[in-house]
Amino acid sequence: MSEIDDRVKEARLLSATGRPEEALAVAEEVLDQEPERLDALLLKAQILHEQGADQSALALYERAVRLAPLSPQAWNDRARCLHALAQDDEALAAARRARALLDDDAAHARLFAAVSLTLIWCLREKRLFREALAAAEECLLRAPDAVVAEWAGQIEQELEESERERC
């Protein structure tokens, strides 16, 4: 493991232990040395997003998907940020892209639940309840997840309510 890898690991640990400012400083040091270091770029964007600096985070996520257009993590994180900014059409497109990339690469299977959850949120926001439910069910078959199961139940209720409203 290189020194720069150690610094990224340190930044992640700082972030995970509630020290985002310190984590941000370390991530920025890494990016000063390696401006195209994807893991540091995504961590910096995540911290900014968590701090409510969504526009700054989005700019970094845009940079990340340009640097790594085949990264489902970059696309998923971008989708979540866009969703937070209520840019629903763009969020849904990014979530679908992240999901499609998972189909193309089995190495990213560990991301399946997180990417599915983002897709579910985006579909729900657009009131595409049937498609959201289908995404949840597919996720539960491939990568069972308690949070996805909870959202599937919520979406089933919302689908029933929307169908009653139509009648």
C-alpha atoms as a PDB file:
ATOM      1  CA  MET A   1       0.000   0.000   0.000  1.00  0.00           C
ATOM      2  CA  SER A   2       1.398   3.406  -0.964  1.00  0.00           C
ATOM      3  CA  GLU A   3       1.526   6.507   1.163  1.00  0.00           C
ATOM      4  CA  ILE A   4      -1.245   8.072  -0.884  1.00  0.00           C
ATOM      5  CA  ASP A   5      -3.421   4.970  -0.311  1.00  0.00           C
ATOM      6  CA  ASP A   6      -2.783   5.352   3.414  1.00  0.00           C
ATOM      7  CA  ARG A   7      -3.863   8.997   3.250  1.00  0.00           C
ATOM      8  CA  VAL A   8      -7.123   8.093   1.501  1.00  0.00           C
ATOM      9  CA  LYS A   9      -7.760   5.418   4.131  1.00  0.00           C
ATOM     10  CA  GLU A  10      -7.059   8.007   6.839  1.00  0.00           C
ATOM     11  CA  ALA A  11      -9.508  10.455   5.242  1.00  0.00           C
ATOM     12  CA  ARG A  12     -12.207   7.766   5.126  1.00  0.00           C
ATOM     13  CA  LEU A  13     -11.620   6.929   8.782  1.00  0.00           C
ATOM     14  CA  LEU A  14     -11.779  10.589   9.784  1.00  0.00           C
ATOM     15  CA  SER A  15     -15.034  10.983   7.893  1.00  0.00           C
ATOM     16  CA  ALA A  16     -16.522   7.830   9.391  1.00  0.00           C
ATOM     17  CA  THR A  17     -15.626   8.960  12.922  1.00  0.00           C
ATOM     18  CA  GLY A  18     -17.355  12.312  12.633  1.00  0.00           C
ATOM     19  CA  ARG A  19     -14.405  14.493  11.733  1.00  0.00           C
ATOM     20  CA  PRO A  20     -15.417  15.746   8.284  1.00  0.00           C
ATOM     21  CA  GLU A  21     -13.271  18.897   8.256  1.00  0.00           C
ATOM     22  CA  GLU A  22     -10.128  16.878   8.916  1.00  0.00           C
ATOM     23  CA  ALA A  23     -11.191  14.280   6.360  1.00  0.00           C
ATOM     24  CA  LEU A  24     -11.796  17.020   3.813  1.00  0.00           C
ATOM     25  CA  ALA A  25      -8.330  18.475   4.419  1.00  0.00           C
ATOM     26  CA  VAL A  26      -6.679  15.074   3.905  1.00  0.00           C
ATOM     27  CA  ALA A  27      -8.750  14.382   0.764  1.00  0.00           C
ATOM     28  CA  GLU A  28      -7.718  17.766  -0.623  1.00  0.00           C
ATOM     29  CA  GLU A  29      -4.043  16.999   0.089  1.00  0.00           C
ATOM     30  CA  VAL A  30      -4.406  13.740  -1.821  1.00  0.00           C
ATOM     31  CA  LEU A  31      -6.082  15.527  -4.727  1.00  0.00           C
ATOM     32  CA  ASP A  32      -3.315  18.122  -4.779  1.00  0.00           C
ATOM     33  CA  GLN A  33      -0.879  15.264  -5.370  1.00  0.00           C
ATOM     34  CA  GLU A  34      -3.140  13.168  -7.616  1.00  0.00           C
ATOM     35  CA  PRO A  35      -5.936  15.313  -9.094  1.00  0.00           C
ATOM     36  CA  GLU A  36      -7.549  12.315 -10.807  1.00  0.00           C
ATOM     37  CA  ARG A  37      -7.653  10.071  -7.737  1.00  0.00           C
ATOM     38  CA  LEU A  38     -11.265   8.856  -7.931  1.00  0.00           C
ATOM     39  CA  ASP A  39     -11.652   7.580  -4.375  1.00  0.00           C
ATOM     40  CA  ALA A  40     -10.421  10.880  -2.908  1.00  0.00           C
ATOM     41  CA  LEU A  41     -12.604  12.857  -5.303  1.00  0.00           C
ATOM     42  CA  LEU A  42     -15.713  10.867  -4.361  1.00  0.00           C
ATOM     43  CA  LEU A  43     -14.923  11.180  -0.659  1.00  0.00           C
ATOM     44  CA  LYS A  44     -14.506  14.943  -0.913  1.00  0.00           C
ATOM     45  CA  ALA A  45     -17.789  15.211  -2.824  1.00  0.00           C
ATOM     46  CA  GLN A  46     -19.552  12.992  -0.276  1.00  0.00           C
ATOM     47  CA  ILE A  47     -18.359  15.141   2.627  1.00  0.00           C
ATOM     48  CA  LEU A  48     -19.458  18.326   0.884  1.00  0.00           C
ATOM     49  CA  HIS A  49     -22.829  16.749   0.079  1.00  0.00           C
ATOM     50  CA  GLU A  50     -23.284  15.709   3.713  1.00  0.00           C
ATOM     51  CA  GLN A  51     -22.459  19.273   4.766  1.00  0.00           C
ATOM     52  CA  GLY A  52     -25.169  20.618   2.460  1.00  0.00           C
ATOM     53  CA  ALA A  53     -22.807  22.043  -0.144  1.00  0.00           C
ATOM     54  CA  ASP A  54     -24.707  20.208  -2.878  1.00  0.00           C
ATOM     55  CA  GLN A  55     -23.662  22.407  -5.802  1.00  0.00           C
ATOM     56  CA  SER A  56     -19.972  22.019  -4.916  1.00  0.00           C
ATOM     57  CA  ALA A  57     -20.468  18.292  -4.442  1.00  0.00           C
ATOM     58  CA  LEU A  58     -22.257  18.035  -7.781  1.00  0.00           C
ATOM     59  CA  ALA A  59     -19.356  19.709  -9.573  1.00  0.00           C
ATOM     60  CA  LEU A  60     -17.038  17.070  -8.108  1.00  0.00           C
ATOM     61  CA  TYR A  61     -19.403  14.257  -9.036  1.00  0.00           C
ATOM     62  CA  GLU A  62     -19.532  15.619 -12.592  1.00  0.00           C
ATOM     63  CA  ARG A  63     -15.743  15.534 -12.641  1.00  0.00           C
ATOM     64  CA  ALA A  64     -15.788  11.983 -11.262  1.00  0.00           C
ATOM     65  CA  VAL A  65     -18.076  10.635 -13.997  1.00  0.00           C
ATOM     66  CA  ARG A  66     -15.905  12.329 -16.623  1.00  0.00           C
ATOM     67  CA  LEU A  67     -12.788  10.708 -15.131  1.00  0.00           C
ATOM     68  CA  ALA A  68     -14.419   7.310 -14.647  1.00  0.00           C
ATOM     69  CA  PRO A  69     -17.446   6.984 -16.938  1.00  0.00           C
ATOM     70  CA  LEU A  70     -17.698   3.256 -16.172  1.00  0.00           C
ATOM     71  CA  SER A  71     -17.820   3.701 -12.393  1.00  0.00           C
ATOM     72  CA  PRO A  72     -21.233   2.780 -10.988  1.00  0.00           C
ATOM     73  CA  GLN A  73     -20.215   4.396  -7.690  1.00  0.00           C
ATOM     74  CA  ALA A  74     -19.530   7.752  -9.362  1.00  0.00           C
ATOM     75  CA  TRP A  75     -22.836   7.645 -11.267  1.00  0.00           C
ATOM     76  CA  ASN A  76     -24.771   6.556  -8.178  1.00  0.00           C
ATOM     77  CA  ASP A  77     -23.281   9.292  -6.024  1.00  0.00           C
ATOM     78  CA  ARG A  78     -24.051  11.834  -8.749  1.00  0.00           C
ATOM     79  CA  ALA A  79     -27.653  10.574  -8.876  1.00  0.00           C
ATOM     80  CA  ARG A  80     -28.051  10.956  -5.112  1.00  0.00           C
ATOM     81  CA  CYS A  81     -26.741  14.503  -5.233  1.00  0.00           C
ATOM     82  CA  LEU A  82     -29.022  15.401  -8.137  1.00  0.00           C
ATOM     83  CA  HIS A  83     -31.940  13.854  -6.237  1.00  0.00           C
ATOM     84  CA  ALA A  84     -31.120  16.051  -3.231  1.00  0.00           C
ATOM     85  CA  LEU A  85     -31.136  19.065  -5.550  1.00  0.00           C
ATOM     86  CA  ALA A  86     -34.584  18.029  -6.893  1.00  0.00           C
ATOM     87  CA  GLN A  87     -33.167  17.595 -10.397  1.00  0.00           C
ATOM     88  CA  ASP A  88     -35.288  14.500 -10.790  1.00  0.00           C
ATOM     89  CA  ASP A  89     -34.951  13.762 -14.507  1.00  0.00           C
ATOM     90  CA  GLU A  90     -31.158  13.990 -14.382  1.00  0.00           C
ATOM     91  CA  ALA A  91     -31.070  12.006 -11.129  1.00  0.00           C
ATOM     92  CA  LEU A  92     -33.131   9.218 -12.673  1.00  0.00           C
ATOM     93  CA  ALA A  93     -30.918   9.094 -15.774  1.00  0.00           C
ATOM     94  CA  ALA A  94     -27.771   8.892 -13.615  1.00  0.00           C
ATOM     95  CA  ALA A  95     -29.313   6.192 -11.407  1.00  0.00           C
ATOM     96  CA  ARG A  96     -30.263   4.164 -14.466  1.00  0.00           C
ATOM     97  CA  ARG A  97     -26.718   4.544 -15.797  1.00  0.00           C
ATOM     98  CA  ALA A  98     -25.270   3.320 -12.488  1.00  0.00           C
ATOM     99  CA  ARG A  99     -27.635   0.348 -12.525  1.00  0.00           C
ATOM    100  CA  ALA A 100     -26.750  -0.536 -16.119  1.00  0.00           C
ATOM    101  CA  LEU A 101     -23.055  -0.474 -15.270  1.00  0.00           C
ATOM    102  CA  LEU A 102     -23.652  -3.040 -12.545  1.00  0.00           C
ATOM    103  CA  ASP A 103     -25.030  -5.440 -15.135  1.00  0.00           C
ATOM    104  CA  ASP A 104     -21.860  -5.003 -17.157  1.00  0.00           C
ATOM    105  CA  ASP A 105     -19.418  -5.788 -14.353  1.00  0.00           C
ATOM    106  CA  ALA A 106     -19.908  -8.456 -11.685  1.00  0.00           C
ATOM    107  CA  ALA A 107     -17.028  -6.951  -9.682  1.00  0.00           C
ATOM    108  CA  HIS A 108     -19.398  -4.180  -8.591  1.00  0.00           C
ATOM    109  CA  ALA A 109     -22.014  -6.535  -7.134  1.00  0.00           C
ATOM    110  CA  ARG A 110     -21.412  -5.167  -3.616  1.00  0.00           C
ATOM    111  CA  LEU A 111     -22.939  -1.890  -4.798  1.00  0.00           C
ATOM    112  CA  PHE A 112     -26.141  -3.481  -6.017  1.00  0.00           C
ATOM    113  CA  ALA A 113     -28.339  -2.602  -3.026  1.00  0.00           C
ATOM    114  CA  ALA A 114     -27.070   0.984  -2.787  1.00  0.00           C
ATOM    115  CA  VAL A 115     -27.524   1.614  -6.501  1.00  0.00           C
ATOM    116  CA  SER A 116     -30.941  -0.044  -6.464  1.00  0.00           C
ATOM    117  CA  LEU A 117     -32.008   2.125  -3.551  1.00  0.00           C
ATOM    118  CA  THR A 118     -31.015   5.281  -5.407  1.00  0.00           C
ATOM    119  CA  LEU A 119     -32.925   4.108  -8.477  1.00  0.00           C
ATOM    120  CA  ILE A 120     -35.963   3.310  -6.305  1.00  0.00           C
ATOM    121  CA  TRP A 121     -35.898   6.791  -4.735  1.00  0.00           C
ATOM    122  CA  CYS A 122     -35.639   8.474  -8.124  1.00  0.00           C
ATOM    123  CA  LEU A 123     -38.453   6.412  -9.629  1.00  0.00           C
ATOM    124  CA  ARG A 124     -40.629   7.059  -6.587  1.00  0.00           C
ATOM    125  CA  GLU A 125     -40.030  10.796  -6.828  1.00  0.00           C
ATOM    126  CA  LYS A 126     -41.282  10.666 -10.434  1.00  0.00           C
ATOM    127  CA  ARG A 127     -44.292   8.622  -9.211  1.00  0.00           C
ATOM    128  CA  LEU A 128     -43.202   5.660 -11.313  1.00  0.00           C
ATOM    129  CA  PHE A 129     -44.341   3.314  -8.559  1.00  0.00           C
ATOM    130  CA  ARG A 130     -44.600   0.110 -10.588  1.00  0.00           C
ATOM    131  CA  GLU A 131     -41.089   0.511 -11.963  1.00  0.00           C
ATOM    132  CA  ALA A 132     -39.769   1.392  -8.489  1.00  0.00           C
ATOM    133  CA  LEU A 133     -41.416  -1.708  -7.038  1.00  0.00           C
ATOM    134  CA  ALA A 134     -39.950  -3.870  -9.813  1.00  0.00           C
ATOM    135  CA  ALA A 135     -36.476  -2.459  -9.077  1.00  0.00           C
ATOM    136  CA  ALA A 136     -36.945  -3.203  -5.381  1.00  0.00           C
ATOM    137  CA  GLU A 137     -38.097  -6.749  -6.050  1.00  0.00           C
ATOM    138  CA  GLU A 138     -35.166  -7.402  -8.377  1.00  0.00           C
ATOM    139  CA  CYS A 139     -32.777  -6.093  -5.753  1.00  0.00           C
ATOM    140  CA  LEU A 140     -34.318  -8.251  -3.046  1.00  0.00           C
ATOM    141  CA  LEU A 141     -33.838 -11.318  -5.258  1.00  0.00           C
ATOM    142  CA  ARG A 142     -30.215 -10.522  -6.087  1.00  0.00           C
ATOM    143  CA  ALA A 143     -28.982  -8.797  -2.946  1.00  0.00           C
ATOM    144  CA  PRO A 144     -31.439  -8.943  -0.031  1.00  0.00           C
ATOM    145  CA  ASP A 145     -31.385  -5.694   1.921  1.00  0.00           C
ATOM    146  CA  ALA A 146     -33.557  -4.599   4.849  1.00  0.00           C
ATOM    147  CA  VAL A 147     -33.710  -0.956   3.762  1.00  0.00           C
ATOM    148  CA  VAL A 148     -34.773  -1.897   0.238  1.00  0.00           C
ATOM    149  CA  ALA A 149     -37.418  -4.228   1.698  1.00  0.00           C
ATOM    150  CA  GLU A 150     -38.760  -1.380   3.822  1.00  0.00           C
ATOM    151  CA  TRP A 151     -38.927   0.932   0.789  1.00  0.00           C
ATOM    152  CA  ALA A 152     -40.666  -1.796  -1.230  1.00  0.00           C
ATOM    153  CA  GLY A 153     -43.418  -1.878   1.389  1.00  0.00           C
ATOM    154  CA  GLN A 154     -43.703   1.908   1.338  1.00  0.00           C
ATOM    155  CA  ILE A 155     -43.913   1.973  -2.440  1.00  0.00           C
ATOM    156  CA  GLU A 156     -46.592  -0.741  -2.471  1.00  0.00           C
ATOM    157  CA  GLN A 157     -48.706   1.471  -0.215  1.00  0.00           C
ATOM    158  CA  GLU A 158     -48.097   4.536  -2.381  1.00  0.00           C
ATOM    159  CA  LEU A 159     -48.992   2.563  -5.509  1.00  0.00           C
ATOM    160  CA  GLU A 160     -52.284   1.471  -3.930  1.00  0.00           C
ATOM    161  CA  GLU A 161     -53.036   5.067  -2.889  1.00  0.00           C
ATOM    162  CA  SER A 162     -52.287   6.414  -6.361  1.00  0.00           C
ATOM    163  CA  GLU A 163     -54.559   3.805  -7.935  1.00  0.00           C
ATOM    164  CA  ARG A 164     -57.385   4.723  -5.527  1.00  0.00           C
ATOM    165  CA  GLU A 165     -56.917   8.409  -6.425  1.00  0.00           C
ATOM    166  CA  ARG A 166     -57.394   7.572 -10.108  1.00  0.00           C
ATOM    167  CA  CYS A 167     -60.742   5.891  -9.455  1.00  0.00           C
END
